[in-house]
Amino acid sequence: MNKVLVIGGDGFCGWPTSLYLSEQGYDVTIVDNLSRRKIDNRLGVVSLTPIKSTQERIEAWKEVSGKTIKFVELDVAQEFDDLAILMGELRPDAVVHFG
C-alpha cells in the first residue's frame, strides 16, 4: 500500500483530499498544527458550519469506510527536526502539502 503524508490535512482542502486518498486505498497520515482551530478558540469564535474535532472526523471516517487515517499534530514550519524524524519513520511515497 502506498503511503501519503498530507500536510495541512485538517483544513478545507486537506481533509477532503485525505478522505479521497484513503478511499482510493492509500495509507494516509495527516500532519497539521491545528493553527486555525487554535486561533478560533483564542478568539472565542466558531464556524457557522460546525466542524468536528480532527479525532471525531477520523473516527467517523473509520465508522463509515472501515479505513484508518492517522494524525500527527506538528508545526512543519517550526518543528523541522520532528518532521524529519516522522518522514524517516513513515517513509511516505508522496507528500501533499496544504499547510
PDB file of N, CA and C in Angstrom:
ATOM      1  N   MET A   1       0.855  -1.185   0.000  1.00  0.00           N
ATOM      2  CA  MET A   1       0.000   0.000   0.000  1.00  0.00           C
ATOM      3  C   MET A   1       0.896   1.241   0.000  1.00  0.00           C
ATOM      4  N   ASN A   2       0.558   2.197  -0.835  1.00  0.00           N
ATOM      5  CA  ASN A   2       1.314   3.444  -0.890  1.00  0.00           C
ATOM      6  C   ASN A   2       0.959   4.347   0.281  1.00  0.00           C
ATOM      7  N   LYS A   3       1.979   4.958   0.848  1.00  0.00           N
ATOM      8  CA  LYS A   3       1.801   5.852   1.987  1.00  0.00           C
ATOM      9  C   LYS A   3       1.836   7.297   1.511  1.00  0.00           C
ATOM     10  N   VAL A   4       0.880   8.088   2.008  1.00  0.00           N
ATOM     11  CA  VAL A   4       0.812   9.504   1.662  1.00  0.00           C
ATOM     12  C   VAL A   4       0.745  10.318   2.939  1.00  0.00           C
ATOM     13  N   LEU A   5       1.572  11.346   3.003  1.00  0.00           N
ATOM     14  CA  LEU A   5       1.565  12.296   4.102  1.00  0.00           C
ATOM     15  C   LEU A   5       0.852  13.545   3.606  1.00  0.00           C
ATOM     16  N   VAL A   6      -0.216  13.948   4.299  1.00  0.00           N
ATOM     17  CA  VAL A   6      -0.976  15.135   3.902  1.00  0.00           C
ATOM     18  C   VAL A   6      -0.722  16.218   4.946  1.00  0.00           C
ATOM     19  N   ILE A   7       0.098  17.197   4.571  1.00  0.00           N
ATOM     20  CA  ILE A   7       0.406  18.310   5.459  1.00  0.00           C
ATOM     21  C   ILE A   7      -0.724  19.330   5.327  1.00  0.00           C
ATOM     22  N   GLY A   8      -1.286  19.732   6.453  1.00  0.00           N
ATOM     23  CA  GLY A   8      -2.457  20.603   6.429  1.00  0.00           C
ATOM     24  C   GLY A   8      -3.728  19.807   6.180  1.00  0.00           C
ATOM     25  N   GLY A   9      -3.705  18.546   6.554  1.00  0.00           N
ATOM     26  CA  GLY A   9      -4.811  17.638   6.263  1.00  0.00           C
ATOM     27  C   GLY A   9      -6.079  17.864   7.058  1.00  0.00           C
ATOM     28  N   ASP A  10      -6.054  18.764   8.030  1.00  0.00           N
ATOM     29  CA  ASP A  10      -7.267  19.070   8.787  1.00  0.00           C
ATOM     30  C   ASP A  10      -8.051  20.206   8.145  1.00  0.00           C
ATOM     31  N   GLY A  11      -7.500  20.825   7.136  1.00  0.00           N
ATOM     32  CA  GLY A  11      -8.092  22.031   6.562  1.00  0.00           C
ATOM     33  C   GLY A  11      -9.104  21.802   5.459  1.00  0.00           C
ATOM     34  N   PHE A  12      -9.533  22.915   4.882  1.00  0.00           N
ATOM     35  CA  PHE A  12     -10.592  22.965   3.875  1.00  0.00           C
ATOM     36  C   PHE A  12     -10.279  22.097   2.655  1.00  0.00           C
ATOM     37  N   CYS A  13      -9.045  22.111   2.201  1.00  0.00           N
ATOM     38  CA  CYS A  13      -8.644  21.273   1.065  1.00  0.00           C
ATOM     39  C   CYS A  13      -8.046  19.948   1.527  1.00  0.00           C
ATOM     40  N   GLY A  14      -7.309  19.985   2.633  1.00  0.00           N
ATOM     41  CA  GLY A  14      -6.600  18.805   3.094  1.00  0.00           C
ATOM     42  C   GLY A  14      -7.486  17.677   3.558  1.00  0.00           C
ATOM     43  N   TRP A  15      -8.578  18.015   4.247  1.00  0.00           N
ATOM     44  CA  TRP A  15      -9.456  16.959   4.764  1.00  0.00           C
ATOM     45  C   TRP A  15     -10.123  16.169   3.641  1.00  0.00           C
ATOM     46  N   PRO A  16     -10.784  16.821   2.677  1.00  0.00           N
ATOM     47  CA  PRO A  16     -11.392  16.018   1.605  1.00  0.00           C
ATOM     48  C   PRO A  16     -10.350  15.262   0.774  1.00  0.00           C
ATOM     49  N   THR A  17      -9.163  15.831   0.616  1.00  0.00           N
ATOM     50  CA  THR A  17      -8.104  15.127  -0.099  1.00  0.00           C
ATOM     51  C   THR A  17      -7.704  13.868   0.665  1.00  0.00           C
ATOM     52  N   SER A  18      -7.590  13.991   1.980  1.00  0.00           N
ATOM     53  CA  SER A  18      -7.242  12.834   2.812  1.00  0.00           C
ATOM     54  C   SER A  18      -8.299  11.745   2.696  1.00  0.00           C
ATOM     55  N   LEU A  19      -9.567  12.140   2.724  1.00  0.00           N
ATOM     56  CA  LEU A  19     -10.644  11.161   2.572  1.00  0.00           C
ATOM     57  C   LEU A  19     -10.575  10.476   1.213  1.00  0.00           C
ATOM     58  N   TYR A  20     -10.373  11.248   0.174  1.00  0.00           N
ATOM     59  CA  TYR A  20     -10.293  10.691  -1.176  1.00  0.00           C
ATOM     60  C   TYR A  20      -9.149   9.682  -1.284  1.00  0.00           C
ATOM     61  N   LEU A  21      -7.974  10.089  -0.800  1.00  0.00           N
ATOM     62  CA  LEU A  21      -6.821   9.192  -0.889  1.00  0.00           C
ATOM     63  C   LEU A  21      -7.042   7.925  -0.071  1.00  0.00           C
ATOM     64  N   SER A  22      -7.630   8.063   1.107  1.00  0.00           N
ATOM     65  CA  SER A  22      -7.936   6.893   1.928  1.00  0.00           C
ATOM     66  C   SER A  22      -8.909   5.977   1.199  1.00  0.00           C
ATOM     67  N   GLU A  23      -9.936   6.556   0.627  1.00  0.00           N
ATOM     68  CA  GLU A  23     -10.929   5.760  -0.110  1.00  0.00           C
ATOM     69  C   GLU A  23     -10.285   5.018  -1.285  1.00  0.00           C
ATOM     70  N   GLN A  24      -9.265   5.629  -1.891  1.00  0.00           N
ATOM     71  CA  GLN A  24      -8.572   5.007  -3.023  1.00  0.00           C
ATOM     72  C   GLN A  24      -7.587   3.925  -2.584  1.00  0.00           C
ATOM     73  N   GLY A  25      -7.456   3.740  -1.264  1.00  0.00           N
ATOM     74  CA  GLY A  25      -6.622   2.658  -0.752  1.00  0.00           C
ATOM     75  C   GLY A  25      -5.253   3.093  -0.254  1.00  0.00           C
ATOM     76  N   TYR A  26      -4.986   4.384  -0.226  1.00  0.00           N
ATOM     77  CA  TYR A  26      -3.702   4.860   0.285  1.00  0.00           C
ATOM     78  C   TYR A  26      -3.683   4.830   1.811  1.00  0.00           C
ATOM     79  N   ASP A  27      -2.519   4.617   2.371  1.00  0.00           N
ATOM     80  CA  ASP A  27      -2.297   4.698   3.807  1.00  0.00           C
ATOM     81  C   ASP A  27      -2.002   6.164   4.111  1.00  0.00           C
ATOM     82  N   VAL A  28      -2.961   6.870   4.679  1.00  0.00           N
ATOM     83  CA  VAL A  28      -2.893   8.323   4.848  1.00  0.00           C
ATOM     84  C   VAL A  28      -2.513   8.696   6.278  1.00  0.00           C
ATOM     85  N   THR A  29      -1.553   9.602   6.380  1.00  0.00           N
ATOM     86  CA  THR A  29      -1.211  10.226   7.649  1.00  0.00           C
ATOM     87  C   THR A  29      -1.341  11.729   7.461  1.00  0.00           C
ATOM     88  N   ILE A  30      -2.147  12.354   8.311  1.00  0.00           N
ATOM     89  CA  ILE A  30      -2.317  13.804   8.299  1.00  0.00           C
ATOM     90  C   ILE A  30      -1.341  14.418   9.284  1.00  0.00           C
ATOM     91  N   VAL A  31      -0.686  15.489   8.849  1.00  0.00           N
ATOM     92  CA  VAL A  31       0.136  16.310   9.730  1.00  0.00           C
ATOM     93  C   VAL A  31      -0.465  17.700   9.704  1.00  0.00           C
ATOM     94  N   ASP A  32      -0.781  18.234  10.863  1.00  0.00           N
ATOM     95  CA  ASP A  32      -1.385  19.562  10.939  1.00  0.00           C
ATOM     96  C   ASP A  32      -1.061  20.170  12.290  1.00  0.00           C
ATOM     97  N   ASN A  33      -0.868  21.468  12.317  1.00  0.00           N
ATOM     98  CA  ASN A  33      -0.608  22.140  13.598  1.00  0.00           C
ATOM     99  C   ASN A  33      -1.885  22.689  14.226  1.00  0.00           C
ATOM    100  N   LEU A  34      -3.012  22.515  13.540  1.00  0.00           N
ATOM    101  CA  LEU A  34      -4.325  22.939  14.035  1.00  0.00           C
ATOM    102  C   LEU A  34      -4.372  24.441  14.342  1.00  0.00           C
ATOM    103  N   SER A  35      -3.578  25.231  13.626  1.00  0.00           N
ATOM    104  CA  SER A  35      -3.486  26.663  13.926  1.00  0.00           C
ATOM    105  C   SER A  35      -4.828  27.376  13.757  1.00  0.00           C
ATOM    106  N   ARG A  36      -5.582  27.011  12.749  1.00  0.00           N
ATOM    107  CA  ARG A  36      -6.880  27.669  12.547  1.00  0.00           C
ATOM    108  C   ARG A  36      -7.811  27.400  13.734  1.00  0.00           C
ATOM    109  N   ARG A  37      -7.846  26.175  14.185  1.00  0.00           N
ATOM    110  CA  ARG A  37      -8.689  25.827  15.337  1.00  0.00           C
ATOM    111  C   ARG A  37      -8.233  26.588  16.588  1.00  0.00           C
ATOM    112  N   LYS A  38      -6.931  26.699  16.767  1.00  0.00           N
ATOM    113  CA  LYS A  38      -6.385  27.389  17.937  1.00  0.00           C
ATOM    114  C   LYS A  38      -6.706  28.886  17.900  1.00  0.00           C
ATOM    115  N   ILE A  39      -6.650  29.479  16.723  1.00  0.00           N
ATOM    116  CA  ILE A  39      -6.992  30.902  16.576  1.00  0.00           C
ATOM    117  C   ILE A  39      -8.463  31.109  16.912  1.00  0.00           C
ATOM    118  N   ASP A  40      -9.328  30.260  16.379  1.00  0.00           N
ATOM    119  CA  ASP A  40     -10.759  30.363  16.674  1.00  0.00           C
ATOM    120  C   ASP A  40     -11.018  30.245  18.175  1.00  0.00           C
ATOM    121  N   ASN A  41     -10.354  29.276  18.820  1.00  0.00           N
ATOM    122  CA  ASN A  41     -10.525  29.093  20.264  1.00  0.00           C
ATOM    123  C   ASN A  41     -10.055  30.319  21.031  1.00  0.00           C
ATOM    124  N   ARG A  42      -8.908  30.861  20.637  1.00  0.00           N
ATOM    125  CA  ARG A  42      -8.365  32.033  21.318  1.00  0.00           C
ATOM    126  C   ARG A  42      -9.291  33.240  21.178  1.00  0.00           C
ATOM    127  N   LEU A  43      -9.906  33.375  20.009  1.00  0.00           N
ATOM    128  CA  LEU A  43     -10.817  34.493  19.761  1.00  0.00           C
ATOM    129  C   LEU A  43     -12.228  34.224  20.275  1.00  0.00           C
ATOM    130  N   GLY A  44     -12.501  32.981  20.646  1.00  0.00           N
ATOM    131  CA  GLY A  44     -13.829  32.633  21.143  1.00  0.00           C
ATOM    132  C   GLY A  44     -14.886  32.624  20.053  1.00  0.00           C
ATOM    133  N   VAL A  45     -14.492  32.251  18.842  1.00  0.00           N
ATOM    134  CA  VAL A  45     -15.430  32.218  17.725  1.00  0.00           C
ATOM    135  C   VAL A  45     -15.619  30.781  17.248  1.00  0.00           C
ATOM    136  N   VAL A  46     -16.727  30.552  16.570  1.00  0.00           N
ATOM    137  CA  VAL A  46     -16.997  29.244  15.981  1.00  0.00           C
ATOM    138  C   VAL A  46     -17.468  29.441  14.549  1.00  0.00           C
ATOM    139  N   SER A  47     -17.265  28.418  13.752  1.00  0.00           N
ATOM    140  CA  SER A  47     -17.694  28.443  12.362  1.00  0.00           C
ATOM    141  C   SER A  47     -19.220  28.410  12.278  1.00  0.00           C
ATOM    142  N   LEU A  48     -19.774  29.054  11.264  1.00  0.00           N
ATOM    143  CA  LEU A  48     -21.219  28.957  11.035  1.00  0.00           C
ATOM    144  C   LEU A  48     -21.627  27.518  10.743  1.00  0.00           C
ATOM    145  N   THR A  49     -20.722  26.784  10.120  1.00  0.00           N
ATOM    146  CA  THR A  49     -20.929  25.364   9.883  1.00  0.00           C
ATOM    147  C   THR A  49     -20.061  24.621  10.882  1.00  0.00           C
ATOM    148  N   PRO A  50     -20.653  23.959  11.857  1.00  0.00           N
ATOM    149  CA  PRO A  50     -19.851  23.278  12.881  1.00  0.00           C
ATOM    150  C   PRO A  50     -18.872  22.277  12.272  1.00  0.00           C
ATOM    151  N   ILE A  51     -17.649  22.290  12.762  1.00  0.00           N
ATOM    152  CA  ILE A  51     -16.611  21.389  12.288  1.00  0.00           C
ATOM    153  C   ILE A  51     -16.150  20.550  13.480  1.00  0.00           C
ATOM    154  N   LYS A  52     -16.343  19.266  13.383  1.00  0.00           N
ATOM    155  CA  LYS A  52     -15.943  18.359  14.461  1.00  0.00           C
ATOM    156  C   LYS A  52     -14.426  18.363  14.619  1.00  0.00           C
ATOM    157  N   SER A  53     -13.968  17.907  15.772  1.00  0.00           N
ATOM    158  CA  SER A  53     -12.526  17.815  16.010  1.00  0.00           C
ATOM    159  C   SER A  53     -11.915  16.824  15.019  1.00  0.00           C
ATOM    160  N   THR A  54     -10.627  16.930  14.843  1.00  0.00           N
ATOM    161  CA  THR A  54      -9.928  16.018  13.937  1.00  0.00           C
ATOM    162  C   THR A  54     -10.157  14.571  14.349  1.00  0.00           C
ATOM    163  N   GLN A  55     -10.045  14.303  15.632  1.00  0.00           N
ATOM    164  CA  GLN A  55     -10.228  12.936  16.117  1.00  0.00           C
ATOM    165  C   GLN A  55     -11.641  12.429  15.841  1.00  0.00           C
ATOM    166  N   GLU A  56     -12.644  13.278  16.060  1.00  0.00           N
ATOM    167  CA  GLU A  56     -14.034  12.872  15.782  1.00  0.00           C
ATOM    168  C   GLU A  56     -14.226  12.594  14.297  1.00  0.00           C
ATOM    169  N   ARG A  57     -13.618  13.415  13.446  1.00  0.00           N
ATOM    170  CA  ARG A  57     -13.742  13.216  11.999  1.00  0.00           C
ATOM    171  C   ARG A  57     -13.073  11.913  11.575  1.00  0.00           C
ATOM    172  N   ILE A  58     -11.894  11.635  12.146  1.00  0.00           N
ATOM    173  CA  ILE A  58     -11.183  10.399  11.812  1.00  0.00           C
ATOM    174  C   ILE A  58     -11.986   9.189  12.269  1.00  0.00           C
ATOM    175  N   GLU A  59     -12.577   9.266  13.455  1.00  0.00           N
ATOM    176  CA  GLU A  59     -13.404   8.161  13.961  1.00  0.00           C
ATOM    177  C   GLU A  59     -14.645   7.962  13.094  1.00  0.00           C
ATOM    178  N   ALA A  60     -15.280   9.059  12.669  1.00  0.00           N
ATOM    179  CA  ALA A  60     -16.456   8.958  11.797  1.00  0.00           C
ATOM    180  C   ALA A  60     -16.076   8.327  10.461  1.00  0.00           C
ATOM    181  N   TRP A  61     -14.918   8.707   9.932  1.00  0.00           N
ATOM    182  CA  TRP A  61     -14.454   8.133   8.667  1.00  0.00           C
ATOM    183  C   TRP A  61     -14.245   6.625   8.802  1.00  0.00           C
ATOM    184  N   LYS A  62     -13.651   6.209   9.910  1.00  0.00           N
ATOM    185  CA  LYS A  62     -13.444   4.775  10.127  1.00  0.00           C
ATOM    186  C   LYS A  62     -14.775   4.049  10.223  1.00  0.00           C
ATOM    187  N   GLU A  63     -15.734   4.677  10.893  1.00  0.00           N
ATOM    188  CA  GLU A  63     -17.050   4.059  11.053  1.00  0.00           C
ATOM    189  C   GLU A  63     -17.752   3.848   9.711  1.00  0.00           C
ATOM    190  N   VAL A  64     -17.683   4.839   8.827  1.00  0.00           N
ATOM    191  CA  VAL A  64     -18.403   4.731   7.549  1.00  0.00           C
ATOM    192  C   VAL A  64     -17.613   3.991   6.474  1.00  0.00           C
ATOM    193  N   SER A  65     -16.284   4.005   6.574  1.00  0.00           N
ATOM    194  CA  SER A  65     -15.476   3.412   5.495  1.00  0.00           C
ATOM    195  C   SER A  65     -14.725   2.152   5.911  1.00  0.00           C
ATOM    196  N   GLY A  66     -14.512   2.006   7.228  1.00  0.00           N
ATOM    197  CA  GLY A  66     -13.680   0.904   7.696  1.00  0.00           C
ATOM    198  C   GLY A  66     -12.193   1.188   7.529  1.00  0.00           C
ATOM    199  N   LYS A  67     -11.843   2.381   7.095  1.00  0.00           N
ATOM    200  CA  LYS A  67     -10.448   2.747   6.835  1.00  0.00           C
ATOM    201  C   LYS A  67      -9.922   3.680   7.923  1.00  0.00           C
ATOM    202  N   THR A  68      -8.628   3.589   8.161  1.00  0.00           N
ATOM    203  CA  THR A  68      -7.990   4.376   9.202  1.00  0.00           C
ATOM    204  C   THR A  68      -7.133   5.475   8.596  1.00  0.00           C
ATOM    205  N   ILE A  69      -7.258   6.666   9.152  1.00  0.00           N
ATOM    206  CA  ILE A  69      -6.362   7.781   8.837  1.00  0.00           C
ATOM    207  C   ILE A  69      -5.635   8.126  10.123  1.00  0.00           C
ATOM    208  N   LYS A  70      -4.317   8.243  10.024  1.00  0.00           N
ATOM    209  CA  LYS A  70      -3.521   8.607  11.203  1.00  0.00           C
ATOM    210  C   LYS A  70      -3.373  10.127  11.264  1.00  0.00           C
ATOM    211  N   PHE A  71      -3.134  10.644  12.470  1.00  0.00           N
ATOM    212  CA  PHE A  71      -2.983  12.082  12.662  1.00  0.00           C
ATOM    213  C   PHE A  71      -1.795  12.380  13.564  1.00  0.00           C
ATOM    214  N   VAL A  72      -0.994  13.358  13.152  1.00  0.00           N
ATOM    215  CA  VAL A  72       0.127  13.834  13.954  1.00  0.00           C
ATOM    216  C   VAL A  72       0.020  15.355  14.029  1.00  0.00           C
ATOM    217  N   GLU A  73      -0.050  15.877  15.255  1.00  0.00           N
ATOM    218  CA  GLU A  73      -0.062  17.334  15.424  1.00  0.00           C
ATOM    219  C   GLU A  73       1.386  17.817  15.419  1.00  0.00           C
ATOM    220  N   LEU A  74       1.709  18.625  14.423  1.00  0.00           N
ATOM    221  CA  LEU A  74       3.082  19.054  14.218  1.00  0.00           C
ATOM    222  C   LEU A  74       3.080  20.336  13.393  1.00  0.00           C
ATOM    223  N   ASP A  75       3.896  21.290  13.773  1.00  0.00           N
ATOM    224  CA  ASP A  75       4.061  22.535  13.016  1.00  0.00           C
ATOM    225  C   ASP A  75       5.288  22.369  12.125  1.00  0.00           C
ATOM    226  N   VAL A  76       5.073  22.119  10.846  1.00  0.00           N
ATOM    227  CA  VAL A  76       6.192  21.825   9.948  1.00  0.00           C
ATOM    228  C   VAL A  76       7.117  23.028   9.760  1.00  0.00           C
ATOM    229  N   ALA A  77       6.623  24.234  10.018  1.00  0.00           N
ATOM    230  CA  ALA A  77       7.456  25.430   9.885  1.00  0.00           C
ATOM    231  C   ALA A  77       8.364  25.638  11.095  1.00  0.00           C
ATOM    232  N   GLN A  78       7.966  25.111  12.242  1.00  0.00           N
ATOM    233  CA  GLN A  78       8.712  25.339  13.480  1.00  0.00           C
ATOM    234  C   GLN A  78       9.387  24.090  14.035  1.00  0.00           C
ATOM    235  N   GLU A  79       8.936  22.917  13.608  1.00  0.00           N
ATOM    236  CA  GLU A  79       9.429  21.667  14.182  1.00  0.00           C
ATOM    237  C   GLU A  79      10.035  20.766  13.106  1.00  0.00           C
ATOM    238  N   PHE A  80      11.020  21.321  12.392  1.00  0.00           N
ATOM    239  CA  PHE A  80      11.614  20.590  11.279  1.00  0.00           C
ATOM    240  C   PHE A  80      12.229  19.267  11.717  1.00  0.00           C
ATOM    241  N   ASP A  81      12.910  19.259  12.845  1.00  0.00           N
ATOM    242  CA  ASP A  81      13.541  18.014  13.307  1.00  0.00           C
ATOM    243  C   ASP A  81      12.508  16.915  13.523  1.00  0.00           C
ATOM    244  N   ASP A  82      11.368  17.289  14.112  1.00  0.00           N
ATOM    245  CA  ASP A  82      10.301  16.302  14.320  1.00  0.00           C
ATOM    246  C   ASP A  82       9.715  15.838  12.986  1.00  0.00           C
ATOM    247  N   LEU A  83       9.602  16.760  12.031  1.00  0.00           N
ATOM    248  CA  LEU A  83       9.116  16.380  10.700  1.00  0.00           C
ATOM    249  C   LEU A  83      10.090  15.410  10.037  1.00  0.00           C
ATOM    250  N   ALA A  84      11.385  15.671  10.154  1.00  0.00           N
ATOM    251  CA  ALA A  84      12.389  14.785   9.563  1.00  0.00           C
ATOM    252  C   ALA A  84      12.322  13.389  10.183  1.00  0.00           C
ATOM    253  N   ILE A  85      12.136  13.334  11.495  1.00  0.00           N
ATOM    254  CA  ILE A  85      12.002  12.037  12.174  1.00  0.00           C
ATOM    255  C   ILE A  85      10.759  11.308  11.663  1.00  0.00           C
ATOM    256  N   LEU A  86       9.637  12.037  11.587  1.00  0.00           N
ATOM    257  CA  LEU A  86       8.389  11.436  11.103  1.00  0.00           C
ATOM    258  C   LEU A  86       8.548  10.922   9.678  1.00  0.00           C
ATOM    259  N   MET A  87       9.174  11.711   8.817  1.00  0.00           N
ATOM    260  CA  MET A  87       9.386  11.281   7.431  1.00  0.00           C
ATOM    261  C   MET A  87      10.251  10.016   7.381  1.00  0.00           C
ATOM    262  N   GLY A  88      11.250   9.962   8.252  1.00  0.00           N
ATOM    263  CA  GLY A  88      12.103   8.770   8.297  1.00  0.00           C
ATOM    264  C   GLY A  88      11.355   7.544   8.781  1.00  0.00           C
ATOM    265  N   GLU A  89      10.450   7.740   9.739  1.00  0.00           N
ATOM    266  CA  GLU A  89       9.659   6.619  10.255  1.00  0.00           C
ATOM    267  C   GLU A  89       8.605   6.157   9.253  1.00  0.00           C
ATOM    268  N   LEU A  90       7.884   7.120   8.662  1.00  0.00           N
ATOM    269  CA  LEU A  90       6.794   6.763   7.748  1.00  0.00           C
ATOM    270  C   LEU A  90       7.286   6.360   6.363  1.00  0.00           C
ATOM    271  N   ARG A  91       8.336   7.026   5.902  1.00  0.00           N
ATOM    272  CA  ARG A  91       8.851   6.814   4.550  1.00  0.00           C
ATOM    273  C   ARG A  91       7.714   6.883   3.519  1.00  0.00           C
ATOM    274  N   PRO A  92       7.015   8.031   3.466  1.00  0.00           N
ATOM    275  CA  PRO A  92       5.873   8.135   2.543  1.00  0.00           C
ATOM    276  C   PRO A  92       6.313   8.097   1.090  1.00  0.00           C
ATOM    277  N   ASP A  93       5.429   7.570   0.249  1.00  0.00           N
ATOM    278  CA  ASP A  93       5.673   7.553  -1.179  1.00  0.00           C
ATOM    279  C   ASP A  93       5.374   8.911  -1.810  1.00  0.00           C
ATOM    280  N   ALA A  94       4.527   9.680  -1.128  1.00  0.00           N
ATOM    281  CA  ALA A  94       4.169  11.008  -1.639  1.00  0.00           C
ATOM    282  C   ALA A  94       3.812  11.917  -0.467  1.00  0.00           C
ATOM    283  N   VAL A  95       4.007  13.214  -0.683  1.00  0.00           N
ATOM    284  CA  VAL A  95       3.628  14.232   0.287  1.00  0.00           C
ATOM    285  C   VAL A  95       2.758  15.245  -0.440  1.00  0.00           C
ATOM    286  N   VAL A  96       1.598  15.526   0.134  1.00  0.00           N
ATOM    287  CA  VAL A  96       0.702  16.564  -0.369  1.00  0.00           C
ATOM    288  C   VAL A  96       0.726  17.676   0.668  1.00  0.00           C
ATOM    289  N   HIS A  97       1.054  18.900   0.230  1.00  0.00           N
ATOM    290  CA  HIS A  97       1.291  19.992   1.177  1.00  0.00           C
ATOM    291  C   HIS A  97       0.237  21.090   1.014  1.00  0.00           C
ATOM    292  N   PHE A  98      -0.686  21.163   1.967  1.00  0.00           N
ATOM    293  CA  PHE A  98      -1.681  22.235   2.024  1.00  0.00           C
ATOM    294  C   PHE A  98      -1.418  23.170   3.196  1.00  0.00           C
ATOM    295  N   GLY A  99      -0.325  22.959   3.918  1.00  0.00           N
ATOM    296  CA  GLY A  99      -0.036  23.708   5.147  1.00  0.00           C
ATOM    297  C   GLY A  99       0.364  25.146   4.899  1.00  0.00           C
TER     298      GLY A  99
END
